[in-house]
Amino acid sequence: MLSEKELGKYLAEIRKRKGISLREVNKLKDISYSHLSMIEHGKRNVTPALLRNLADLYKVDYLDLYEKAGYIDLIENEQKDILRKIGAVPLSDIDTTPIPILRNCQGWI
């Protein structure tokens, strides 16, 4: 987990590498120029929703930004949601999740 100052610096580096100005972020994502500037200078905390919005614009993994910001509990929930959306079962839930296809195969095991 990064400090607010380190995270802000990291976000500023990504933005600059992508060649996007603070004003462009404001226009493209309707994020206040001054708010983002304060985040990048470590003077304001960043929310998960804003991280996700910036990750979309900067084309980076939002889960990586969550981790750097310390939103570990959200990472686990998001990963489980992603797995469920594709029809997979997270290993942590394998014992408690009914798997319909296996219900009919109990006699085979």
PDB file of N, CA and C in Angstrom:
ATOM      1  N   MET A   1       0.837  -1.174   0.000  1.00  0.00           N
ATOM      2  CA  MET A   1       0.000   0.000   0.000  1.00  0.00           C
ATOM      3  C   MET A   1       0.888   1.247   0.000  1.00  0.00           C
ATOM      4  N   LEU A   2       0.530   2.174  -0.856  1.00  0.00           N
ATOM      5  CA  LEU A   2       1.289   3.420  -0.942  1.00  0.00           C
ATOM      6  C   LEU A   2       0.653   4.487  -0.057  1.00  0.00           C
ATOM      7  N   SER A   3       1.448   5.433   0.377  1.00  0.00           N
ATOM      8  CA  SER A   3       0.906   6.577   1.096  1.00  0.00           C
ATOM      9  C   SER A   3       0.133   7.449   0.099  1.00  0.00           C
ATOM     10  N   GLU A   4      -0.655   8.393   0.607  1.00  0.00           N
ATOM     11  CA  GLU A   4      -1.404   9.288  -0.288  1.00  0.00           C
ATOM     12  C   GLU A   4      -0.458  10.033  -1.216  1.00  0.00           C
ATOM     13  N   LYS A   5       0.667  10.462  -0.689  1.00  0.00           N
ATOM     14  CA  LYS A   5       1.648  11.205  -1.487  1.00  0.00           C
ATOM     15  C   LYS A   5       2.254  10.308  -2.580  1.00  0.00           C
ATOM     16  N   GLU A   6       2.627   9.079  -2.204  1.00  0.00           N
ATOM     17  CA  GLU A   6       3.212   8.142  -3.175  1.00  0.00           C
ATOM     18  C   GLU A   6       2.198   7.760  -4.254  1.00  0.00           C
ATOM     19  N   LEU A   7       0.956   7.514  -3.830  1.00  0.00           N
ATOM     20  CA  LEU A   7      -0.082   7.158  -4.791  1.00  0.00           C
ATOM     21  C   LEU A   7      -0.336   8.314  -5.756  1.00  0.00           C
ATOM     22  N   GLY A   8      -0.391   9.517  -5.227  1.00  0.00           N
ATOM     23  CA  GLY A   8      -0.589  10.692  -6.076  1.00  0.00           C
ATOM     24  C   GLY A   8       0.515  10.834  -7.090  1.00  0.00           C
ATOM     25  N   LYS A   9       1.740  10.656  -6.651  1.00  0.00           N
ATOM     26  CA  LYS A   9       2.896  10.736  -7.552  1.00  0.00           C
ATOM     27  C   LYS A   9       2.809   9.648  -8.625  1.00  0.00           C
ATOM     28  N   TYR A  10       2.413   8.454  -8.209  1.00  0.00           N
ATOM     29  CA  TYR A  10       2.270   7.335  -9.149  1.00  0.00           C
ATOM     30  C   TYR A  10       1.211   7.650 -10.212  1.00  0.00           C
ATOM     31  N   LEU A  11       0.067   8.176  -9.771  1.00  0.00           N
ATOM     32  CA  LEU A  11      -1.002   8.525 -10.716  1.00  0.00           C
ATOM     33  C   LEU A  11      -0.555   9.626 -11.675  1.00  0.00           C
ATOM     34  N   ALA A  12       0.188  10.595 -11.157  1.00  0.00           N
ATOM     35  CA  ALA A  12       0.700  11.682 -12.008  1.00  0.00           C
ATOM     36  C   ALA A  12       1.671  11.133 -13.050  1.00  0.00           C
ATOM     37  N   GLU A  13       2.527  10.185 -12.637  1.00  0.00           N
ATOM     38  CA  GLU A  13       3.483   9.585 -13.571  1.00  0.00           C
ATOM     39  C   GLU A  13       2.758   8.839 -14.691  1.00  0.00           C
ATOM     40  N   ILE A  14       1.736   8.081 -14.339  1.00  0.00           N
ATOM     41  CA  ILE A  14       0.970   7.356 -15.365  1.00  0.00           C
ATOM     42  C   ILE A  14       0.343   8.349 -16.337  1.00  0.00           C
ATOM     43  N   ARG A  15      -0.303   9.381 -15.791  1.00  0.00           N
ATOM     44  CA  ARG A  15      -0.973  10.376 -16.627  1.00  0.00           C
ATOM     45  C   ARG A  15       0.018  11.033 -17.588  1.00  0.00           C
ATOM     46  N   LYS A  16       1.177  11.409 -17.077  1.00  0.00           N
ATOM     47  CA  LYS A  16       2.187  12.071 -17.911  1.00  0.00           C
ATOM     48  C   LYS A  16       2.746  11.126 -18.969  1.00  0.00           C
ATOM     49  N   ARG A  17       2.962   9.849 -18.589  1.00  0.00           N
ATOM     50  CA  ARG A  17       3.441   8.851 -19.558  1.00  0.00           C
ATOM     51  C   ARG A  17       2.455   8.670 -20.708  1.00  0.00           C
ATOM     52  N   LYS A  18       1.174   8.791 -20.389  1.00  0.00           N
ATOM     53  CA  LYS A  18       0.132   8.647 -21.410  1.00  0.00           C
ATOM     54  C   LYS A  18      -0.031   9.937 -22.218  1.00  0.00           C
ATOM     55  N   GLY A  19       0.655  10.994 -21.798  1.00  0.00           N
ATOM     56  CA  GLY A  19       0.590  12.257 -22.518  1.00  0.00           C
ATOM     57  C   GLY A  19      -0.733  12.988 -22.340  1.00  0.00           C
ATOM     58  N   ILE A  20      -1.324  12.835 -21.162  1.00  0.00           N
ATOM     59  CA  ILE A  20      -2.626  13.451 -20.882  1.00  0.00           C
ATOM     60  C   ILE A  20      -2.431  14.545 -19.833  1.00  0.00           C
ATOM     61  N   SER A  21      -2.960  15.721 -20.102  1.00  0.00           N
ATOM     62  CA  SER A  21      -2.866  16.817 -19.136  1.00  0.00           C
ATOM     63  C   SER A  21      -4.007  16.731 -18.129  1.00  0.00           C
ATOM     64  N   LEU A  22      -3.860  17.467 -17.035  1.00  0.00           N
ATOM     65  CA  LEU A  22      -4.938  17.530 -16.046  1.00  0.00           C
ATOM     66  C   LEU A  22      -6.214  18.086 -16.667  1.00  0.00           C
ATOM     67  N   ARG A  23      -6.061  19.057 -17.546  1.00  0.00           N
ATOM     68  CA  ARG A  23      -7.226  19.658 -18.213  1.00  0.00           C
ATOM     69  C   ARG A  23      -7.931  18.639 -19.107  1.00  0.00           C
ATOM     70  N   GLU A  24      -7.148  17.777 -19.758  1.00  0.00           N
ATOM     71  CA  GLU A  24      -7.755  16.739 -20.603  1.00  0.00           C
ATOM     72  C   GLU A  24      -8.514  15.715 -19.770  1.00  0.00           C
ATOM     73  N   VAL A  25      -7.967  15.367 -18.611  1.00  0.00           N
ATOM     74  CA  VAL A  25      -8.674  14.447 -17.702  1.00  0.00           C
ATOM     75  C   VAL A  25     -10.009  15.061 -17.328  1.00  0.00           C
ATOM     76  N   ASN A  26      -9.987  16.358 -17.032  1.00  0.00           N
ATOM     77  CA  ASN A  26     -11.214  17.074 -16.683  1.00  0.00           C
ATOM     78  C   ASN A  26     -12.236  16.988 -17.811  1.00  0.00           C
ATOM     79  N   LYS A  27     -11.799  17.192 -19.028  1.00  0.00           N
ATOM     80  CA  LYS A  27     -12.715  17.165 -20.173  1.00  0.00           C
ATOM     81  C   LYS A  27     -13.207  15.753 -20.489  1.00  0.00           C
ATOM     82  N   LEU A  28     -12.299  14.792 -20.432  1.00  0.00           N
ATOM     83  CA  LEU A  28     -12.643  13.427 -20.832  1.00  0.00           C
ATOM     84  C   LEU A  28     -13.452  12.666 -19.788  1.00  0.00           C
ATOM     85  N   LYS A  29     -13.177  12.919 -18.522  1.00  0.00           N
ATOM     86  CA  LYS A  29     -13.809  12.135 -17.454  1.00  0.00           C
ATOM     87  C   LYS A  29     -14.601  12.979 -16.466  1.00  0.00           C
ATOM     88  N   ASP A  30     -14.693  14.268 -16.718  1.00  0.00           N
ATOM     89  CA  ASP A  30     -15.435  15.181 -15.845  1.00  0.00           C
ATOM     90  C   ASP A  30     -14.971  15.080 -14.393  1.00  0.00           C
ATOM     91  N   ILE A  31     -13.641  15.031 -14.244  1.00  0.00           N
ATOM     92  CA  ILE A  31     -13.026  15.030 -12.922  1.00  0.00           C
ATOM     93  C   ILE A  31     -12.416  16.411 -12.728  1.00  0.00           C
ATOM     94  N   SER A  32     -12.742  17.042 -11.644  1.00  0.00           N
ATOM     95  CA  SER A  32     -12.255  18.390 -11.372  1.00  0.00           C
ATOM     96  C   SER A  32     -10.731  18.467 -11.453  1.00  0.00           C
ATOM     97  N   TYR A  33     -10.262  19.443 -12.210  1.00  0.00           N
ATOM     98  CA  TYR A  33      -8.828  19.700 -12.353  1.00  0.00           C
ATOM     99  C   TYR A  33      -8.183  19.883 -10.983  1.00  0.00           C
ATOM    100  N   SER A  34      -8.780  20.715 -10.139  1.00  0.00           N
ATOM    101  CA  SER A  34      -8.191  21.004  -8.829  1.00  0.00           C
ATOM    102  C   SER A  34      -8.218  19.772  -7.916  1.00  0.00           C
ATOM    103  N   HIS A  35      -9.295  18.986  -7.997  1.00  0.00           N
ATOM    104  CA  HIS A  35      -9.400  17.767  -7.182  1.00  0.00           C
ATOM    105  C   HIS A  35      -8.295  16.788  -7.565  1.00  0.00           C
ATOM    106  N   LEU A  36      -8.114  16.563  -8.859  1.00  0.00           N
ATOM    107  CA  LEU A  36      -7.084  15.632  -9.317  1.00  0.00           C
ATOM    108  C   LEU A  36      -5.690  16.156  -8.983  1.00  0.00           C
ATOM    109  N   SER A  37      -5.495  17.440  -9.095  1.00  0.00           N
ATOM    110  CA  SER A  37      -4.208  18.034  -8.742  1.00  0.00           C
ATOM    111  C   SER A  37      -3.888  17.793  -7.263  1.00  0.00           C
ATOM    112  N   MET A  38      -4.882  17.968  -6.399  1.00  0.00           N
ATOM    113  CA  MET A  38      -4.662  17.726  -4.971  1.00  0.00           C
ATOM    114  C   MET A  38      -4.356  16.256  -4.701  1.00  0.00           C
ATOM    115  N   ILE A  39      -5.031  15.347  -5.426  1.00  0.00           N
ATOM    116  CA  ILE A  39      -4.745  13.918  -5.272  1.00  0.00           C
ATOM    117  C   ILE A  39      -3.308  13.635  -5.692  1.00  0.00           C
ATOM    118  N   GLU A  40      -2.908  14.183  -6.841  1.00  0.00           N
ATOM    119  CA  GLU A  40      -1.561  13.932  -7.347  1.00  0.00           C
ATOM    120  C   GLU A  40      -0.480  14.531  -6.453  1.00  0.00           C
ATOM    121  N   HIS A  41      -0.814  15.522  -5.664  1.00  0.00           N
ATOM    122  CA  HIS A  41       0.144  16.115  -4.729  1.00  0.00           C
ATOM    123  C   HIS A  41       0.009  15.526  -3.322  1.00  0.00           C
ATOM    124  N   GLY A  42      -0.815  14.484  -3.176  1.00  0.00           N
ATOM    125  CA  GLY A  42      -0.954  13.791  -1.896  1.00  0.00           C
ATOM    126  C   GLY A  42      -1.724  14.563  -0.847  1.00  0.00           C
ATOM    127  N   LYS A  43      -2.540  15.513  -1.280  1.00  0.00           N
ATOM    128  CA  LYS A  43      -3.285  16.344  -0.336  1.00  0.00           C
ATOM    129  C   LYS A  43      -4.743  15.922  -0.196  1.00  0.00           C
ATOM    130  N   ARG A  44      -5.143  14.946  -0.964  1.00  0.00           N
ATOM    131  CA  ARG A  44      -6.524  14.474  -0.873  1.00  0.00           C
ATOM    132  C   ARG A  44      -6.536  12.976  -1.155  1.00  0.00           C
ATOM    133  N   ASN A  45      -7.402  12.268  -0.440  1.00  0.00           N
ATOM    134  CA  ASN A  45      -7.550  10.833  -0.618  1.00  0.00           C
ATOM    135  C   ASN A  45      -8.322  10.545  -1.908  1.00  0.00           C
ATOM    136  N   VAL A  46      -8.053   9.402  -2.506  1.00  0.00           N
ATOM    137  CA  VAL A  46      -8.727   9.023  -3.748  1.00  0.00           C
ATOM    138  C   VAL A  46      -9.703   7.881  -3.468  1.00  0.00           C
ATOM    139  N   THR A  47     -10.892   7.970  -4.030  1.00  0.00           N
ATOM    140  CA  THR A  47     -11.920   6.950  -3.816  1.00  0.00           C
ATOM    141  C   THR A  47     -11.757   5.816  -4.825  1.00  0.00           C
ATOM    142  N   PRO A  48     -12.309   4.646  -4.506  1.00  0.00           N
ATOM    143  CA  PRO A  48     -12.272   3.545  -5.465  1.00  0.00           C
ATOM    144  C   PRO A  48     -12.943   3.909  -6.795  1.00  0.00           C
ATOM    145  N   ALA A  49     -14.046   4.642  -6.738  1.00  0.00           N
ATOM    146  CA  ALA A  49     -14.750   5.020  -7.973  1.00  0.00           C
ATOM    147  C   ALA A  49     -13.859   5.887  -8.854  1.00  0.00           C
ATOM    148  N   LEU A  50     -13.143   6.810  -8.257  1.00  0.00           N
ATOM    149  CA  LEU A  50     -12.252   7.671  -9.030  1.00  0.00           C
ATOM    150  C   LEU A  50     -11.081   6.869  -9.592  1.00  0.00           C
ATOM    151  N   LEU A  51     -10.551   5.945  -8.794  1.00  0.00           N
ATOM    152  CA  LEU A  51      -9.460   5.090  -9.290  1.00  0.00           C
ATOM    153  C   LEU A  51      -9.902   4.289 -10.501  1.00  0.00           C
ATOM    154  N   ARG A  52     -11.119   3.771 -10.430  1.00  0.00           N
ATOM    155  CA  ARG A  52     -11.628   2.979 -11.551  1.00  0.00           C
ATOM    156  C   ARG A  52     -11.793   3.854 -12.802  1.00  0.00           C
ATOM    157  N   ASN A  53     -12.261   5.062 -12.598  1.00  0.00           N
ATOM    158  CA  ASN A  53     -12.434   6.009 -13.692  1.00  0.00           C
ATOM    159  C   ASN A  53     -11.083   6.357 -14.323  1.00  0.00           C
ATOM    160  N   LEU A  54     -10.087   6.622 -13.487  1.00  0.00           N
ATOM    161  CA  LEU A  54      -8.755   6.944 -13.997  1.00  0.00           C
ATOM    162  C   LEU A  54      -8.119   5.734 -14.684  1.00  0.00           C
ATOM    163  N   ALA A  55      -8.299   4.556 -14.114  1.00  0.00           N
ATOM    164  CA  ALA A  55      -7.747   3.342 -14.724  1.00  0.00           C
ATOM    165  C   ALA A  55      -8.301   3.146 -16.123  1.00  0.00           C
ATOM    166  N   ASP A  56      -9.584   3.432 -16.294  1.00  0.00           N
ATOM    167  CA  ASP A  56     -10.208   3.326 -17.617  1.00  0.00           C
ATOM    168  C   ASP A  56      -9.558   4.303 -18.597  1.00  0.00           C
ATOM    169  N   LEU A  57      -9.371   5.518 -18.172  1.00  0.00           N
ATOM    170  CA  LEU A  57      -8.774   6.544 -19.033  1.00  0.00           C
ATOM    171  C   LEU A  57      -7.310   6.243 -19.332  1.00  0.00           C
ATOM    172  N   TYR A  58      -6.561   5.819 -18.323  1.00  0.00           N
ATOM    173  CA  TYR A  58      -5.129   5.570 -18.485  1.00  0.00           C
ATOM    174  C   TYR A  58      -4.822   4.179 -19.049  1.00  0.00           C
ATOM    175  N   LYS A  59      -5.855   3.369 -19.213  1.00  0.00           N
ATOM    176  CA  LYS A  59      -5.699   1.998 -19.729  1.00  0.00           C
ATOM    177  C   LYS A  59      -4.760   1.173 -18.850  1.00  0.00           C
ATOM    178  N   VAL A  60      -5.033   1.195 -17.535  1.00  0.00           N
ATOM    179  CA  VAL A  60      -4.297   0.372 -16.579  1.00  0.00           C
ATOM    180  C   VAL A  60      -5.299  -0.452 -15.786  1.00  0.00           C
ATOM    181  N   ASP A  61      -4.818  -1.461 -15.102  1.00  0.00           N
ATOM    182  CA  ASP A  61      -5.668  -2.358 -14.316  1.00  0.00           C
ATOM    183  C   ASP A  61      -6.146  -1.653 -13.049  1.00  0.00           C
ATOM    184  N   TYR A  62      -7.449  -1.505 -12.912  1.00  0.00           N
ATOM    185  CA  TYR A  62      -7.981  -0.821 -11.730  1.00  0.00           C
ATOM    186  C   TYR A  62      -7.713  -1.609 -10.451  1.00  0.00           C
ATOM    187  N   LEU A  63      -7.623  -2.931 -10.539  1.00  0.00           N
ATOM    188  CA  LEU A  63      -7.333  -3.728  -9.348  1.00  0.00           C
ATOM    189  C   LEU A  63      -5.922  -3.433  -8.831  1.00  0.00           C
ATOM    190  N   ASP A  64      -4.999  -3.151  -9.740  1.00  0.00           N
ATOM    191  CA  ASP A  64      -3.653  -2.762  -9.335  1.00  0.00           C
ATOM    192  C   ASP A  64      -3.687  -1.426  -8.594  1.00  0.00           C
ATOM    193  N   LEU A  65      -4.500  -0.492  -9.089  1.00  0.00           N
ATOM    194  CA  LEU A  65      -4.636   0.800  -8.402  1.00  0.00           C
ATOM    195  C   LEU A  65      -5.297   0.620  -7.037  1.00  0.00           C
ATOM    196  N   TYR A  66      -6.307  -0.256  -6.966  1.00  0.00           N
ATOM    197  CA  TYR A  66      -6.945  -0.547  -5.677  1.00  0.00           C
ATOM    198  C   TYR A  66      -5.901  -1.048  -4.676  1.00  0.00           C
ATOM    199  N   GLU A  67      -5.053  -1.953  -5.129  1.00  0.00           N
ATOM    200  CA  GLU A  67      -4.033  -2.523  -4.245  1.00  0.00           C
ATOM    201  C   GLU A  67      -3.076  -1.440  -3.760  1.00  0.00           C
ATOM    202  N   LYS A  68      -2.628  -0.598  -4.669  1.00  0.00           N
ATOM    203  CA  LYS A  68      -1.705   0.464  -4.295  1.00  0.00           C
ATOM    204  C   LYS A  68      -2.351   1.458  -3.321  1.00  0.00           C
ATOM    205  N   ALA A  69      -3.666   1.641  -3.437  1.00  0.00           N
ATOM    206  CA  ALA A  69      -4.387   2.568  -2.561  1.00  0.00           C
ATOM    207  C   ALA A  69      -4.808   1.919  -1.242  1.00  0.00           C
ATOM    208  N   GLY A  70      -4.653   0.589  -1.137  1.00  0.00           N
ATOM    209  CA  GLY A  70      -5.000  -0.093   0.111  1.00  0.00           C
ATOM    210  C   GLY A  70      -6.420  -0.608   0.176  1.00  0.00           C
ATOM    211  N   TYR A  71      -7.094  -0.685  -0.949  1.00  0.00           N
ATOM    212  CA  TYR A  71      -8.470  -1.191  -0.973  1.00  0.00           C
ATOM    213  C   TYR A  71      -8.457  -2.707  -1.209  1.00  0.00           C
ATOM    214  N   ILE A  72      -7.780  -3.423  -0.329  1.00  0.00           N
ATOM    215  CA  ILE A  72      -7.591  -4.867  -0.470  1.00  0.00           C
ATOM    216  C   ILE A  72      -8.923  -5.617  -0.439  1.00  0.00           C
ATOM    217  N   ASP A  73      -9.834  -5.234   0.460  1.00  0.00           N
ATOM    218  CA  ASP A  73     -11.120  -5.922   0.557  1.00  0.00           C
ATOM    219  C   ASP A  73     -11.918  -5.781  -0.739  1.00  0.00           C
ATOM    220  N   LEU A  74     -11.790  -4.645  -1.407  1.00  0.00           N
ATOM    221  CA  LEU A  74     -12.494  -4.466  -2.681  1.00  0.00           C
ATOM    222  C   LEU A  74     -11.912  -5.349  -3.773  1.00  0.00           C
ATOM    223  N   ILE A  75     -10.618  -5.581  -3.721  1.00  0.00           N
ATOM    224  CA  ILE A  75      -9.969  -6.431  -4.722  1.00  0.00           C
ATOM    225  C   ILE A  75     -10.556  -7.832  -4.661  1.00  0.00           C
ATOM    226  N   GLU A  76     -10.647  -8.373  -3.454  1.00  0.00           N
ATOM    227  CA  GLU A  76     -11.180  -9.730  -3.296  1.00  0.00           C
ATOM    228  C   GLU A  76     -12.614  -9.807  -3.806  1.00  0.00           C
ATOM    229  N   ASN A  77     -13.438  -8.832  -3.458  1.00  0.00           N
ATOM    230  CA  ASN A  77     -14.833  -8.826  -3.917  1.00  0.00           C
ATOM    231  C   ASN A  77     -14.917  -8.692  -5.429  1.00  0.00           C
ATOM    232  N   GLU A  78     -14.112  -7.814  -6.013  1.00  0.00           N
ATOM    233  CA  GLU A  78     -14.119  -7.613  -7.460  1.00  0.00           C
ATOM    234  C   GLU A  78     -13.682  -8.881  -8.185  1.00  0.00           C
ATOM    235  N   GLN A  79     -12.649  -9.539  -7.669  1.00  0.00           N
ATOM    236  CA  GLN A  79     -12.168 -10.764  -8.301  1.00  0.00           C
ATOM    237  C   GLN A  79     -13.247 -11.847  -8.273  1.00  0.00           C
ATOM    238  N   LYS A  80     -13.943 -11.958  -7.151  1.00  0.00           N
ATOM    239  CA  LYS A  80     -15.027 -12.939  -7.067  1.00  0.00           C
ATOM    240  C   LYS A  80     -16.136 -12.595  -8.049  1.00  0.00           C
ATOM    241  N   ASP A  81     -16.475 -11.318  -8.162  1.00  0.00           N
ATOM    242  CA  ASP A  81     -17.515 -10.898  -9.104  1.00  0.00           C
ATOM    243  C   ASP A  81     -17.113 -11.209 -10.539  1.00  0.00           C
ATOM    244  N   ILE A  82     -15.854 -10.962 -10.866  1.00  0.00           N
ATOM    245  CA  ILE A  82     -15.359 -11.251 -12.226  1.00  0.00           C
ATOM    246  C   ILE A  82     -15.486 -12.744 -12.513  1.00  0.00           C
ATOM    247  N   LEU A  83     -15.076 -13.572 -11.562  1.00  0.00           N
ATOM    248  CA  LEU A  83     -15.159 -15.016 -11.755  1.00  0.00           C
ATOM    249  C   LEU A  83     -16.609 -15.472 -11.923  1.00  0.00           C
ATOM    250  N   ARG A  84     -17.493 -14.911 -11.115  1.00  0.00           N
ATOM    251  CA  ARG A  84     -18.903 -15.293 -11.216  1.00  0.00           C
ATOM    252  C   ARG A  84     -19.495 -14.884 -12.569  1.00  0.00           C
ATOM    253  N   LYS A  85     -19.080 -13.733 -13.082  1.00  0.00           N
ATOM    254  CA  LYS A  85     -19.593 -13.254 -14.372  1.00  0.00           C
ATOM    255  C   LYS A  85     -19.215 -14.191 -15.511  1.00  0.00           C
ATOM    256  N   ILE A  86     -18.061 -14.837 -15.401  1.00  0.00           N
ATOM    257  CA  ILE A  86     -17.666 -15.755 -16.468  1.00  0.00           C
ATOM    258  C   ILE A  86     -18.069 -17.191 -16.165  1.00  0.00           C
ATOM    259  N   GLY A  87     -18.769 -17.376 -15.042  1.00  0.00           N
ATOM    260  CA  GLY A  87     -19.271 -18.702 -14.707  1.00  0.00           C
ATOM    261  C   GLY A  87     -18.302 -19.554 -13.921  1.00  0.00           C
ATOM    262  N   ALA A  88     -17.249 -18.954 -13.408  1.00  0.00           N
ATOM    263  CA  ALA A  88     -16.269 -19.699 -12.616  1.00  0.00           C
ATOM    264  C   ALA A  88     -16.604 -19.565 -11.135  1.00  0.00           C
ATOM    265  N   VAL A  89     -16.065 -20.465 -10.346  1.00  0.00           N
ATOM    266  CA  VAL A  89     -16.287 -20.443  -8.904  1.00  0.00           C
ATOM    267  C   VAL A  89     -14.947 -20.131  -8.243  1.00  0.00           C
ATOM    268  N   PRO A  90     -14.886 -19.056  -7.427  1.00  0.00           N
ATOM    269  CA  PRO A  90     -13.637 -18.772  -6.717  1.00  0.00           C
ATOM    270  C   PRO A  90     -13.260 -19.946  -5.824  1.00  0.00           C
ATOM    271  N   LEU A  91     -11.984 -20.268  -5.738  1.00  0.00           N
ATOM    272  CA  LEU A  91     -11.549 -21.401  -4.919  1.00  0.00           C
ATOM    273  C   LEU A  91     -11.980 -21.250  -3.465  1.00  0.00           C
ATOM    274  N   SER A  92     -12.045 -20.027  -2.975  1.00  0.00           N
ATOM    275  CA  SER A  92     -12.452 -19.822  -1.584  1.00  0.00           C
ATOM    276  C   SER A  92     -13.909 -20.209  -1.353  1.00  0.00           C
ATOM    277  N   ASP A  93     -14.709 -20.286  -2.414  1.00  0.00           N
ATOM    278  CA  ASP A  93     -16.131 -20.612  -2.293  1.00  0.00           C
ATOM    279  C   ASP A  93     -16.475 -22.007  -2.816  1.00  0.00           C
ATOM    280  N   ILE A  94     -15.487 -22.777  -3.204  1.00  0.00           N
ATOM    281  CA  ILE A  94     -15.735 -24.054  -3.878  1.00  0.00           C
ATOM    282  C   ILE A  94     -16.525 -25.034  -3.004  1.00  0.00           C
ATOM    283  N   ASP A  95     -16.304 -25.025  -1.685  1.00  0.00           N
ATOM    284  CA  ASP A  95     -16.990 -25.972  -0.799  1.00  0.00           C
ATOM    285  C   ASP A  95     -18.454 -25.605  -0.568  1.00  0.00           C
ATOM    286  N   THR A  96     -18.807 -24.354  -0.744  1.00  0.00           N
ATOM    287  CA  THR A  96     -20.164 -23.908  -0.426  1.00  0.00           C
ATOM    288  C   THR A  96     -20.995 -23.572  -1.660  1.00  0.00           C
ATOM    289  N   THR A  97     -20.396 -23.672  -2.834  1.00  0.00           N
ATOM    290  CA  THR A  97     -21.113 -23.332  -4.064  1.00  0.00           C
ATOM    291  C   THR A  97     -21.628 -24.591  -4.739  1.00  0.00           C
ATOM    292  N   PRO A  98     -22.942 -24.691  -4.921  1.00  0.00           N
ATOM    293  CA  PRO A  98     -23.462 -25.855  -5.632  1.00  0.00           C
ATOM    294  C   PRO A  98     -23.092 -25.788  -7.109  1.00  0.00           C
ATOM    295  N   ILE A  99     -22.628 -26.883  -7.627  1.00  0.00           N
ATOM    296  CA  ILE A  99     -22.272 -26.954  -9.044  1.00  0.00           C
ATOM    297  C   ILE A  99     -23.259 -27.924  -9.685  1.00  0.00           C
ATOM    298  N   PRO A 100     -24.236 -27.395 -10.427  1.00  0.00           N
ATOM    299  CA  PRO A 100     -25.335 -28.210 -10.936  1.00  0.00           C
ATOM    300  C   PRO A 100     -24.905 -29.448 -11.713  1.00  0.00           C
ATOM    301  N   ILE A 101     -23.905 -29.349 -12.537  1.00  0.00           N
ATOM    302  CA  ILE A 101     -23.510 -30.490 -13.359  1.00  0.00           C
ATOM    303  C   ILE A 101     -23.003 -31.642 -12.499  1.00  0.00           C
ATOM    304  N   LEU A 102     -22.400 -31.357 -11.354  1.00  0.00           N
ATOM    305  CA  LEU A 102     -21.874 -32.408 -10.487  1.00  0.00           C
ATOM    306  C   LEU A 102     -22.957 -33.066  -9.646  1.00  0.00           C
ATOM    307  N   ARG A 103     -24.062 -32.377  -9.453  1.00  0.00           N
ATOM    308  CA  ARG A 103     -25.146 -32.931  -8.656  1.00  0.00           C
ATOM    309  C   ARG A 103     -25.658 -34.245  -9.262  1.00  0.00           C
ATOM    310  N   ASN A 104     -25.668 -34.339 -10.562  1.00  0.00           N
ATOM    311  CA  ASN A 104     -26.170 -35.518 -11.252  1.00  0.00           C
ATOM    312  C   ASN A 104     -25.125 -36.630 -11.364  1.00  0.00           C
ATOM    313  N   CYS A 105     -23.910 -36.354 -10.964  1.00  0.00           N
ATOM    314  CA  CYS A 105     -22.823 -37.311 -11.129  1.00  0.00           C
ATOM    315  C   CYS A 105     -22.397 -37.978  -9.825  1.00  0.00           C
ATOM    316  N   GLN A 106     -23.147 -37.825  -8.758  1.00  0.00           N
ATOM    317  CA  GLN A 106     -22.722 -38.324  -7.464  1.00  0.00           C
ATOM    318  C   GLN A 106     -22.519 -39.842  -7.475  1.00  0.00           C
ATOM    319  N   GLY A 107     -23.281 -40.540  -8.220  1.00  0.00           N
ATOM    320  CA  GLY A 107     -23.128 -41.993  -8.266  1.00  0.00           C
ATOM    321  C   GLY A 107     -21.892 -42.426  -9.012  1.00  0.00           C
ATOM    322  N   TRP A 108     -21.297 -41.580  -9.798  1.00  0.00           N
ATOM    323  CA  TRP A 108     -20.147 -41.938 -10.603  1.00  0.00           C
ATOM    324  C   TRP A 108     -18.845 -41.851  -9.847  1.00  0.00           C
ATOM    325  N   ILE A 109     -18.869 -41.133  -8.732  1.00  0.00           N
ATOM    326  CA  ILE A 109     -17.598 -40.902  -8.032  1.00  0.00           C
ATOM    327  C   ILE A 109     -17.328 -42.007  -7.048  1.00  0.00           C
TER     328      ILE A 109
END
